[in-house]
Amino acid sequence: MGRVTERRRTMRIRDGAVTTRPDTLVAEEPLEIRLNGKPLAITMRTPGDDFALAAGFLVSEGVIGEGSEVQSIVYCAGATADGVNTYNVVDVKLAPGVVVPDITLERNVYTTSSCGLCGKASLDAVRTTTRHPVADTPPVRVTPALLSALPDRLREAQRVFDRTGGLHAAALFSPEGELLDIREDVGRHNAVDKLVGRALTEDRLPLSQAILLVSGRASFELAQKAVMAGIPMLAAVSAPSSLAVDLAAESGLTLVGFLRGQSMNVYAGDHRIALEATVGQG
């Protein structure tokens, strides 16, 4: 089974001086996700939390919405011609009675920003397929000061990044700023799927009392995953995409970008921001 990090020989050039030494790199391996034995998707990921990743992916695709709908998740033995288990193929078996969607290239689900095919149909599909619509029951209200403190808490909790510098992180926080869970991966979408998958298996969906914080930007894909899990607030340290803002506005998601220090931009759902004082408008 792959490890989270691997060592590789590296030539280092510093101020003209050349040395060789091993460097720690984040591992990246393909994961094939099968549904009831049929291939569904392949994603490049950092090994670890593979079952949660598969479950979270199925939540994002609208296939499942509750932990009871999953009968088992297993690694597929004999995944290679010589029968060796690579731990890079997982099969999700749905519980009896759970409807299996048509697993074809033409299946009627929305596409993500990685496919370059997002549009109005994608927004409509997310709104109509989510099992956990974003709601205020009870309302989530967060102060700018609390939001400003979250990136540092995320960074403190990152373990592998300190050794490799090559991982994205996603974390769930309570409205009071408590760190609920954190996952790392070469793909930020995988890190979010791992969070959502763990919540599914622990019967914590919808995540209606959680703030999702991601390193990097907020793409349509990440906003979609937040909405599908019923998360009311998504914050990112970098910029959102235009379609992510559109989806947030249409679904009721609070979307915060450029969360750096005491500064941030609120692109949608500003009713969840509890302003501490009168704020100037410009």
C-alpha atoms as a PDB file:
ATOM      1  CA  MET A   1       0.000   0.000   0.000  1.00  0.00           C
ATOM      2  CA  GLY A   2       1.298   3.445  -0.873  1.00  0.00           C
ATOM      3  CA  ARG A   3       2.601   5.751   1.785  1.00  0.00           C
ATOM      4  CA  VAL A   4       1.724   9.381   2.309  1.00  0.00           C
ATOM      5  CA  THR A   5       5.311  10.446   1.569  1.00  0.00           C
ATOM      6  CA  GLU A   6       8.220   9.018  -0.385  1.00  0.00           C
ATOM      7  CA  ARG A   7      11.939   9.819  -0.613  1.00  0.00           C
ATOM      8  CA  ARG A   8      13.706  10.743  -3.858  1.00  0.00           C
ATOM      9  CA  ARG A   9      17.307  11.680  -4.643  1.00  0.00           C
ATOM     10  CA  THR A  10      17.546  15.383  -5.474  1.00  0.00           C
ATOM     11  CA  MET A  11      20.232  17.740  -6.735  1.00  0.00           C
ATOM     12  CA  ARG A  12      20.179  20.964  -4.736  1.00  0.00           C
ATOM     13  CA  ILE A  13      21.664  24.188  -6.061  1.00  0.00           C
ATOM     14  CA  ARG A  14      22.075  26.954  -3.517  1.00  0.00           C
ATOM     15  CA  ASP A  15      24.073  30.096  -4.335  1.00  0.00           C
ATOM     16  CA  GLY A  16      26.083  28.177  -6.900  1.00  0.00           C
ATOM     17  CA  ALA A  17      26.884  25.269  -4.578  1.00  0.00           C
ATOM     18  CA  VAL A  18      25.679  21.858  -5.790  1.00  0.00           C
ATOM     19  CA  THR A  19      24.856  18.997  -3.410  1.00  0.00           C
ATOM     20  CA  THR A  20      22.788  15.836  -3.581  1.00  0.00           C
ATOM     21  CA  ARG A  21      20.450  14.676  -0.875  1.00  0.00           C
ATOM     22  CA  PRO A  22      17.158  12.813  -0.448  1.00  0.00           C
ATOM     23  CA  ASP A  23      14.010  14.918  -0.458  1.00  0.00           C
ATOM     24  CA  THR A  24      10.601  14.083   1.004  1.00  0.00           C
ATOM     25  CA  LEU A  25       7.795  14.178  -1.544  1.00  0.00           C
ATOM     26  CA  VAL A  26       4.085  13.700  -1.178  1.00  0.00           C
ATOM     27  CA  ALA A  27       2.938  10.398  -2.673  1.00  0.00           C
ATOM     28  CA  GLU A  28       0.494  10.444  -5.572  1.00  0.00           C
ATOM     29  CA  GLU A  29      -1.221   7.309  -6.847  1.00  0.00           C
ATOM     30  CA  PRO A  30      -4.393   6.597  -8.842  1.00  0.00           C
ATOM     31  CA  LEU A  31      -7.495   5.371  -7.054  1.00  0.00           C
ATOM     32  CA  GLU A  32     -10.197   3.595  -9.052  1.00  0.00           C
ATOM     33  CA  ILE A  33     -13.623   3.798  -7.454  1.00  0.00           C
ATOM     34  CA  ARG A  34     -16.051   1.034  -8.344  1.00  0.00           C
ATOM     35  CA  LEU A  35     -19.740   0.949  -7.517  1.00  0.00           C
ATOM     36  CA  ASN A  36     -21.222  -2.510  -7.018  1.00  0.00           C
ATOM     37  CA  GLY A  37     -18.291  -3.931  -8.961  1.00  0.00           C
ATOM     38  CA  LYS A  38     -18.538  -1.555 -11.933  1.00  0.00           C
ATOM     39  CA  PRO A  39     -15.838   1.096 -12.614  1.00  0.00           C
ATOM     40  CA  LEU A  40     -17.119   4.587 -11.848  1.00  0.00           C
ATOM     41  CA  ALA A  41     -14.179   6.998 -11.606  1.00  0.00           C
ATOM     42  CA  ILE A  42     -10.429   7.310 -11.278  1.00  0.00           C
ATOM     43  CA  THR A  43      -8.800  10.075  -9.262  1.00  0.00           C
ATOM     44  CA  MET A  44      -5.192  10.877  -8.473  1.00  0.00           C
ATOM     45  CA  ARG A  45      -4.849  11.077  -4.714  1.00  0.00           C
ATOM     46  CA  THR A  46      -2.557  10.817  -1.715  1.00  0.00           C
ATOM     47  CA  PRO A  47      -3.017   7.287  -0.297  1.00  0.00           C
ATOM     48  CA  GLY A  48      -4.903   7.196   2.958  1.00  0.00           C
ATOM     49  CA  ASP A  49      -8.563   7.523   3.957  1.00  0.00           C
ATOM     50  CA  ASP A  50      -9.432   5.834   0.671  1.00  0.00           C
ATOM     51  CA  PHE A  51     -12.761   4.488   1.907  1.00  0.00           C
ATOM     52  CA  ALA A  52     -13.775   7.952   3.108  1.00  0.00           C
ATOM     53  CA  LEU A  53     -12.651   9.415  -0.218  1.00  0.00           C
ATOM     54  CA  ALA A  54     -14.833   6.964  -2.136  1.00  0.00           C
ATOM     55  CA  ALA A  55     -17.837   7.585   0.114  1.00  0.00           C
ATOM     56  CA  GLY A  56     -17.427  11.354  -0.089  1.00  0.00           C
ATOM     57  CA  PHE A  57     -17.161  11.190  -3.864  1.00  0.00           C
ATOM     58  CA  LEU A  58     -20.463   9.312  -4.033  1.00  0.00           C
ATOM     59  CA  VAL A  59     -22.094  11.944  -1.824  1.00  0.00           C
ATOM     60  CA  SER A  60     -20.810  14.645  -4.175  1.00  0.00           C
ATOM     61  CA  GLU A  61     -22.238  12.772  -7.161  1.00  0.00           C
ATOM     62  CA  GLY A  62     -25.631  12.453  -5.499  1.00  0.00           C
ATOM     63  CA  VAL A  63     -25.444   8.650  -5.402  1.00  0.00           C
ATOM     64  CA  ILE A  64     -25.758   8.358  -1.608  1.00  0.00           C
ATOM     65  CA  GLY A  65     -26.678  10.670   1.228  1.00  0.00           C
ATOM     66  CA  GLU A  66     -26.713   8.490   4.326  1.00  0.00           C
ATOM     67  CA  GLY A  67     -24.328   5.999   5.843  1.00  0.00           C
ATOM     68  CA  SER A  68     -27.043   3.331   5.917  1.00  0.00           C
ATOM     69  CA  GLU A  69     -27.029   3.270   2.112  1.00  0.00           C
ATOM     70  CA  VAL A  70     -23.543   1.746   2.073  1.00  0.00           C
ATOM     71  CA  GLN A  71     -23.241  -1.960   2.762  1.00  0.00           C
ATOM     72  CA  SER A  72     -19.462  -2.227   2.454  1.00  0.00           C
ATOM     73  CA  ILE A  73     -16.333  -0.588   1.064  1.00  0.00           C
ATOM     74  CA  VAL A  74     -13.397  -2.878   0.349  1.00  0.00           C
ATOM     75  CA  TYR A  75     -10.106  -2.908  -1.496  1.00  0.00           C
ATOM     76  CA  CYS A  76     -10.257  -5.133  -4.552  1.00  0.00           C
ATOM     77  CA  ALA A  77      -7.871  -8.060  -4.257  1.00  0.00           C
ATOM     78  CA  GLY A  78      -6.102  -9.183  -7.402  1.00  0.00           C
ATOM     79  CA  ALA A  79      -6.361  -5.761  -8.980  1.00  0.00           C
ATOM     80  CA  THR A  80      -3.366  -6.509 -11.221  1.00  0.00           C
ATOM     81  CA  ALA A  81      -2.709  -9.264 -13.747  1.00  0.00           C
ATOM     82  CA  ASP A  82      -0.469 -11.133 -11.309  1.00  0.00           C
ATOM     83  CA  GLY A  83      -3.052 -10.946  -8.541  1.00  0.00           C
ATOM     84  CA  VAL A  84      -1.234  -8.411  -6.364  1.00  0.00           C
ATOM     85  CA  ASN A  85      -3.411  -6.078  -4.343  1.00  0.00           C
ATOM     86  CA  THR A  86      -2.228  -2.542  -5.088  1.00  0.00           C
ATOM     87  CA  TYR A  87      -4.706  -0.959  -2.643  1.00  0.00           C
ATOM     88  CA  ASN A  88      -5.522   1.445  -5.475  1.00  0.00           C
ATOM     89  CA  VAL A  89      -8.949  -0.004  -6.335  1.00  0.00           C
ATOM     90  CA  VAL A  90     -11.933   0.216  -3.985  1.00  0.00           C
ATOM     91  CA  ASP A  91     -15.401  -1.177  -4.482  1.00  0.00           C
ATOM     92  CA  VAL A  92     -18.400   0.412  -2.808  1.00  0.00           C
ATOM     93  CA  LYS A  93     -21.352  -1.936  -2.417  1.00  0.00           C
ATOM     94  CA  LEU A  94     -24.659  -0.249  -1.786  1.00  0.00           C
ATOM     95  CA  ALA A  95     -27.159  -1.599   0.701  1.00  0.00           C
ATOM     96  CA  PRO A  96     -30.040  -3.708  -0.600  1.00  0.00           C
ATOM     97  CA  GLY A  97     -32.802  -1.557  -2.017  1.00  0.00           C
ATOM     98  CA  VAL A  98     -30.606   1.454  -2.776  1.00  0.00           C
ATOM     99  CA  VAL A  99     -31.095   2.440  -6.400  1.00  0.00           C
ATOM    100  CA  VAL A 100     -27.897   2.234  -8.433  1.00  0.00           C
ATOM    101  CA  PRO A 101     -27.608   5.012 -11.011  1.00  0.00           C
ATOM    102  CA  ASP A 102     -26.791   4.247 -14.635  1.00  0.00           C
ATOM    103  CA  ILE A 103     -22.996   4.238 -14.655  1.00  0.00           C
ATOM    104  CA  THR A 104     -22.282   5.394 -18.190  1.00  0.00           C
ATOM    105  CA  LEU A 105     -20.554   8.371 -19.754  1.00  0.00           C
ATOM    106  CA  GLU A 106     -24.011   9.713 -20.563  1.00  0.00           C
ATOM    107  CA  ARG A 107     -25.387   9.378 -17.023  1.00  0.00           C
ATOM    108  CA  ASN A 108     -27.478  12.360 -15.991  1.00  0.00           C
ATOM    109  CA  VAL A 109     -25.238  14.087 -13.452  1.00  0.00           C
ATOM    110  CA  TYR A 110     -23.535  17.450 -13.470  1.00  0.00           C
ATOM    111  CA  THR A 111     -19.914  17.834 -14.499  1.00  0.00           C
ATOM    112  CA  THR A 112     -17.237  19.564 -12.477  1.00  0.00           C
ATOM    113  CA  SER A 113     -14.926  22.442 -13.292  1.00  0.00           C
ATOM    114  CA  SER A 114     -12.103  20.011 -13.994  1.00  0.00           C
ATOM    115  CA  CYS A 115     -14.064  18.910 -17.063  1.00  0.00           C
ATOM    116  CA  GLY A 116     -14.475  22.449 -18.346  1.00  0.00           C
ATOM    117  CA  LEU A 117     -18.188  21.911 -19.034  1.00  0.00           C
ATOM    118  CA  CYS A 118     -19.869  23.751 -16.188  1.00  0.00           C
ATOM    119  CA  GLY A 119     -22.797  26.036 -16.816  1.00  0.00           C
ATOM    120  CA  LYS A 120     -26.379  26.750 -15.839  1.00  0.00           C
ATOM    121  CA  ALA A 121     -27.235  23.050 -16.140  1.00  0.00           C
ATOM    122  CA  SER A 122     -24.596  22.303 -13.514  1.00  0.00           C
ATOM    123  CA  LEU A 123     -26.118  24.771 -11.077  1.00  0.00           C
ATOM    124  CA  ASP A 124     -29.584  23.324 -11.598  1.00  0.00           C
ATOM    125  CA  ALA A 125     -28.321  19.771 -11.139  1.00  0.00           C
ATOM    126  CA  VAL A 126     -26.653  20.510  -7.798  1.00  0.00           C
ATOM    127  CA  ARG A 127     -29.779  22.214  -6.511  1.00  0.00           C
ATOM    128  CA  THR A 128     -32.067  19.368  -7.555  1.00  0.00           C
ATOM    129  CA  THR A 129     -29.877  16.390  -6.600  1.00  0.00           C
ATOM    130  CA  THR A 130     -28.615  17.334  -3.143  1.00  0.00           C
ATOM    131  CA  ARG A 131     -30.127  15.367  -0.274  1.00  0.00           C
ATOM    132  CA  HIS A 132     -29.059  18.022   2.218  1.00  0.00           C
ATOM    133  CA  PRO A 133     -30.070  21.521   1.098  1.00  0.00           C
ATOM    134  CA  VAL A 134     -28.156  24.315   2.791  1.00  0.00           C
ATOM    135  CA  ALA A 135     -30.364  25.605   5.607  1.00  0.00           C
ATOM    136  CA  ASP A 136     -30.262  27.683   8.783  1.00  0.00           C
ATOM    137  CA  THR A 137     -31.590  25.156  11.292  1.00  0.00           C
ATOM    138  CA  PRO A 138     -30.308  26.409  13.629  1.00  0.00           C
ATOM    139  CA  PRO A 139     -28.679  29.498  12.101  1.00  0.00           C
ATOM    140  CA  VAL A 140     -24.891  29.670  11.787  1.00  0.00           C
ATOM    141  CA  ARG A 141     -23.442  33.097  12.521  1.00  0.00           C
ATOM    142  CA  VAL A 142     -19.692  33.714  12.529  1.00  0.00           C
ATOM    143  CA  THR A 143     -17.734  36.859  13.289  1.00  0.00           C
ATOM    144  CA  PRO A 144     -14.953  38.096  10.987  1.00  0.00           C
ATOM    145  CA  ALA A 145     -12.521  37.743  13.896  1.00  0.00           C
ATOM    146  CA  LEU A 146     -13.299  34.057  14.247  1.00  0.00           C
ATOM    147  CA  LEU A 147     -12.943  33.480  10.507  1.00  0.00           C
ATOM    148  CA  SER A 148      -9.601  35.287  10.504  1.00  0.00           C
ATOM    149  CA  ALA A 149      -8.215  32.862  13.068  1.00  0.00           C
ATOM    150  CA  LEU A 150      -9.098  29.707  11.132  1.00  0.00           C
ATOM    151  CA  PRO A 151      -6.270  29.640   8.536  1.00  0.00           C
ATOM    152  CA  ASP A 152      -3.636  29.650  11.284  1.00  0.00           C
ATOM    153  CA  ARG A 153      -5.444  26.825  13.063  1.00  0.00           C
ATOM    154  CA  LEU A 154      -5.556  24.889   9.811  1.00  0.00           C
ATOM    155  CA  ARG A 155      -1.864  25.412   9.216  1.00  0.00           C
ATOM    156  CA  GLU A 156      -0.971  24.315  12.738  1.00  0.00           C
ATOM    157  CA  ALA A 157      -2.875  21.081  12.219  1.00  0.00           C
ATOM    158  CA  GLN A 158      -1.171  20.219   8.922  1.00  0.00           C
ATOM    159  CA  ARG A 159       1.446  17.567   9.508  1.00  0.00           C
ATOM    160  CA  VAL A 160       2.576  16.313   6.101  1.00  0.00           C
ATOM    161  CA  PHE A 161       2.789  19.764   4.536  1.00  0.00           C
ATOM    162  CA  ASP A 162       5.593  20.670   6.915  1.00  0.00           C
ATOM    163  CA  ARG A 163       7.662  17.850   5.422  1.00  0.00           C
ATOM    164  CA  THR A 164       6.720  18.149   1.750  1.00  0.00           C
ATOM    165  CA  GLY A 165       5.120  21.508   1.004  1.00  0.00           C
ATOM    166  CA  GLY A 166       3.012  19.666  -1.563  1.00  0.00           C
ATOM    167  CA  LEU A 167      -0.386  19.002  -0.030  1.00  0.00           C
ATOM    168  CA  HIS A 168      -3.688  20.814   0.028  1.00  0.00           C
ATOM    169  CA  ALA A 169      -5.726  20.773   3.203  1.00  0.00           C
ATOM    170  CA  ALA A 170      -9.414  20.951   4.003  1.00  0.00           C
ATOM    171  CA  ALA A 171     -10.849  21.279   7.475  1.00  0.00           C
ATOM    172  CA  LEU A 172     -14.182  21.439   9.207  1.00  0.00           C
ATOM    173  CA  PHE A 173     -14.674  23.887  12.055  1.00  0.00           C
ATOM    174  CA  SER A 174     -17.600  24.455  14.380  1.00  0.00           C
ATOM    175  CA  PRO A 175     -19.256  27.908  14.454  1.00  0.00           C
ATOM    176  CA  GLU A 176     -17.257  28.475  17.652  1.00  0.00           C
ATOM    177  CA  GLY A 177     -13.956  27.822  15.852  1.00  0.00           C
ATOM    178  CA  GLU A 178     -13.311  24.293  17.137  1.00  0.00           C
ATOM    179  CA  LEU A 179     -11.415  22.084  14.701  1.00  0.00           C
ATOM    180  CA  LEU A 180     -13.686  19.115  13.962  1.00  0.00           C
ATOM    181  CA  ASP A 181     -11.666  17.295  11.308  1.00  0.00           C
ATOM    182  CA  ILE A 182      -8.842  17.882   8.836  1.00  0.00           C
ATOM    183  CA  ARG A 183      -7.673  15.956   5.774  1.00  0.00           C
ATOM    184  CA  GLU A 184      -4.769  16.478   3.370  1.00  0.00           C
ATOM    185  CA  ASP A 185      -4.318  15.384  -0.229  1.00  0.00           C
ATOM    186  CA  VAL A 186      -2.573  16.328  -3.462  1.00  0.00           C
ATOM    187  CA  GLY A 187      -6.029  17.360  -4.661  1.00  0.00           C
ATOM    188  CA  ARG A 188      -8.088  19.748  -2.566  1.00  0.00           C
ATOM    189  CA  HIS A 189     -11.264  18.143  -3.942  1.00  0.00           C
ATOM    190  CA  ASN A 190     -10.046  14.790  -2.592  1.00  0.00           C
ATOM    191  CA  ALA A 191      -9.365  16.343   0.812  1.00  0.00           C
ATOM    192  CA  VAL A 192     -12.962  17.586   0.924  1.00  0.00           C
ATOM    193  CA  ASP A 193     -14.316  14.211  -0.182  1.00  0.00           C
ATOM    194  CA  LYS A 194     -12.378  12.565   2.646  1.00  0.00           C
ATOM    195  CA  LEU A 195     -13.992  14.941   5.150  1.00  0.00           C
ATOM    196  CA  VAL A 196     -17.476  14.342   3.769  1.00  0.00           C
ATOM    197  CA  GLY A 197     -16.941  10.588   3.548  1.00  0.00           C
ATOM    198  CA  ARG A 198     -15.864  10.396   7.188  1.00  0.00           C
ATOM    199  CA  ALA A 199     -18.940  12.393   8.166  1.00  0.00           C
ATOM    200  CA  LEU A 200     -21.134   9.993   6.186  1.00  0.00           C
ATOM    201  CA  THR A 201     -19.712   6.877   7.829  1.00  0.00           C
ATOM    202  CA  GLU A 202     -20.123   8.497  11.260  1.00  0.00           C
ATOM    203  CA  ASP A 203     -23.734   9.524  10.500  1.00  0.00           C
ATOM    204  CA  ARG A 204     -22.943  13.222  10.785  1.00  0.00           C
ATOM    205  CA  LEU A 205     -24.541  14.371   7.515  1.00  0.00           C
ATOM    206  CA  PRO A 206     -25.770  16.947   6.868  1.00  0.00           C
ATOM    207  CA  LEU A 207     -22.918  19.095   8.159  1.00  0.00           C
ATOM    208  CA  SER A 208     -25.299  21.948   8.858  1.00  0.00           C
ATOM    209  CA  GLN A 209     -23.240  23.279  11.776  1.00  0.00           C
ATOM    210  CA  ALA A 210     -19.830  23.322  10.101  1.00  0.00           C
ATOM    211  CA  ILE A 211     -17.515  25.725   8.340  1.00  0.00           C
ATOM    212  CA  LEU A 212     -15.432  24.241   5.509  1.00  0.00           C
ATOM    213  CA  LEU A 213     -12.011  25.858   5.101  1.00  0.00           C
ATOM    214  CA  VAL A 214      -9.807  24.991   2.123  1.00  0.00           C
ATOM    215  CA  SER A 215      -6.263  25.920   1.245  1.00  0.00           C
ATOM    216  CA  GLY A 216      -6.011  27.609  -2.141  1.00  0.00           C
ATOM    217  CA  ARG A 217      -8.929  28.736  -4.241  1.00  0.00           C
ATOM    218  CA  ALA A 218     -12.640  27.951  -4.106  1.00  0.00           C
ATOM    219  CA  SER A 219     -13.663  26.293  -7.367  1.00  0.00           C
ATOM    220  CA  PHE A 220     -17.143  25.322  -8.500  1.00  0.00           C
ATOM    221  CA  GLU A 221     -16.262  21.738  -7.619  1.00  0.00           C
ATOM    222  CA  LEU A 222     -15.519  22.603  -3.987  1.00  0.00           C
ATOM    223  CA  ALA A 223     -18.660  24.721  -3.670  1.00  0.00           C
ATOM    224  CA  GLN A 224     -20.640  21.823  -5.147  1.00  0.00           C
ATOM    225  CA  LYS A 225     -19.205  19.385  -2.598  1.00  0.00           C
ATOM    226  CA  ALA A 226     -20.068  21.755   0.252  1.00  0.00           C
ATOM    227  CA  VAL A 227     -23.642  22.112  -0.960  1.00  0.00           C
ATOM    228  CA  MET A 228     -24.089  18.361  -1.420  1.00  0.00           C
ATOM    229  CA  ALA A 229     -23.000  17.808   2.196  1.00  0.00           C
ATOM    230  CA  GLY A 230     -25.280  20.544   3.543  1.00  0.00           C
ATOM    231  CA  ILE A 231     -22.362  22.731   4.677  1.00  0.00           C
ATOM    232  CA  PRO A 232     -23.553  26.345   5.137  1.00  0.00           C
ATOM    233  CA  MET A 233     -20.190  28.133   4.865  1.00  0.00           C
ATOM    234  CA  LEU A 234     -17.140  27.671   2.624  1.00  0.00           C
ATOM    235  CA  ALA A 235     -14.033  29.770   3.195  1.00  0.00           C
ATOM    236  CA  ALA A 236     -10.871  29.798   1.089  1.00  0.00           C
ATOM    237  CA  VAL A 237      -7.548  31.542   1.490  1.00  0.00           C
ATOM    238  CA  SER A 238      -7.514  32.404  -2.215  1.00  0.00           C
ATOM    239  CA  ALA A 239      -9.993  33.458  -4.888  1.00  0.00           C
ATOM    240  CA  PRO A 240     -13.281  31.815  -5.845  1.00  0.00           C
ATOM    241  CA  SER A 241     -14.322  31.189  -9.419  1.00  0.00           C
ATOM    242  CA  SER A 242     -17.297  33.002 -10.930  1.00  0.00           C
ATOM    243  CA  LEU A 243     -19.295  29.794 -11.147  1.00  0.00           C
ATOM    244  CA  ALA A 244     -18.554  28.980  -7.508  1.00  0.00           C
ATOM    245  CA  VAL A 245     -20.059  32.365  -6.589  1.00  0.00           C
ATOM    246  CA  ASP A 246     -23.095  31.680  -8.785  1.00  0.00           C
ATOM    247  CA  LEU A 247     -23.654  28.299  -7.149  1.00  0.00           C
ATOM    248  CA  ALA A 248     -23.231  29.750  -3.657  1.00  0.00           C
ATOM    249  CA  ALA A 249     -25.743  32.514  -4.351  1.00  0.00           C
ATOM    250  CA  GLU A 250     -28.284  30.103  -5.832  1.00  0.00           C
ATOM    251  CA  SER A 251     -27.956  27.438  -3.136  1.00  0.00           C
ATOM    252  CA  GLY A 252     -27.721  29.674  -0.059  1.00  0.00           C
ATOM    253  CA  LEU A 253     -24.069  28.839   0.658  1.00  0.00           C
ATOM    254  CA  THR A 254     -21.935  31.492   2.353  1.00  0.00           C
ATOM    255  CA  LEU A 255     -18.749  31.863   0.303  1.00  0.00           C
ATOM    256  CA  VAL A 256     -15.700  33.668   1.691  1.00  0.00           C
ATOM    257  CA  GLY A 257     -12.535  34.189  -0.319  1.00  0.00           C
ATOM    258  CA  PHE A 258      -9.117  35.793   0.156  1.00  0.00           C
ATOM    259  CA  LEU A 259      -9.244  34.925   3.858  1.00  0.00           C
ATOM    260  CA  ARG A 260      -5.885  36.310   4.883  1.00  0.00           C
ATOM    261  CA  GLY A 261      -5.109  37.932   8.206  1.00  0.00           C
ATOM    262  CA  GLN A 262      -7.924  40.294   9.113  1.00  0.00           C
ATOM    263  CA  SER A 263      -9.069  40.653   5.505  1.00  0.00           C
ATOM    264  CA  MET A 264     -11.619  38.679   3.531  1.00  0.00           C
ATOM    265  CA  ASN A 265     -14.195  39.009   0.761  1.00  0.00           C
ATOM    266  CA  VAL A 266     -17.718  37.684   1.233  1.00  0.00           C
ATOM    267  CA  TYR A 267     -19.155  36.766  -2.165  1.00  0.00           C
ATOM    268  CA  ALA A 268     -22.474  35.204  -1.136  1.00  0.00           C
ATOM    269  CA  GLY A 269     -24.508  34.483   1.978  1.00  0.00           C
ATOM    270  CA  ASP A 270     -23.304  37.487   3.961  1.00  0.00           C
ATOM    271  CA  HIS A 271     -26.257  37.068   6.364  1.00  0.00           C
ATOM    272  CA  ARG A 272     -24.135  34.471   8.209  1.00  0.00           C
ATOM    273  CA  ILE A 273     -21.392  37.011   8.923  1.00  0.00           C
ATOM    274  CA  ALA A 274     -21.980  38.551  12.346  1.00  0.00           C
ATOM    275  CA  LEU A 275     -20.510  42.015  11.987  1.00  0.00           C
ATOM    276  CA  GLU A 276     -19.050  43.302  15.205  1.00  0.00           C
ATOM    277  CA  ALA A 277     -19.266  46.974  14.332  1.00  0.00           C
ATOM    278  CA  THR A 278     -20.432  49.282  11.597  1.00  0.00           C
ATOM    279  CA  VAL A 279     -18.549  48.442   8.427  1.00  0.00           C
ATOM    280  CA  GLY A 280     -17.950  50.996   5.715  1.00  0.00           C
ATOM    281  CA  GLN A 281     -19.126  50.254   2.207  1.00  0.00           C
ATOM    282  CA  GLY A 282     -17.137  50.984  -0.879  1.00  0.00           C
END
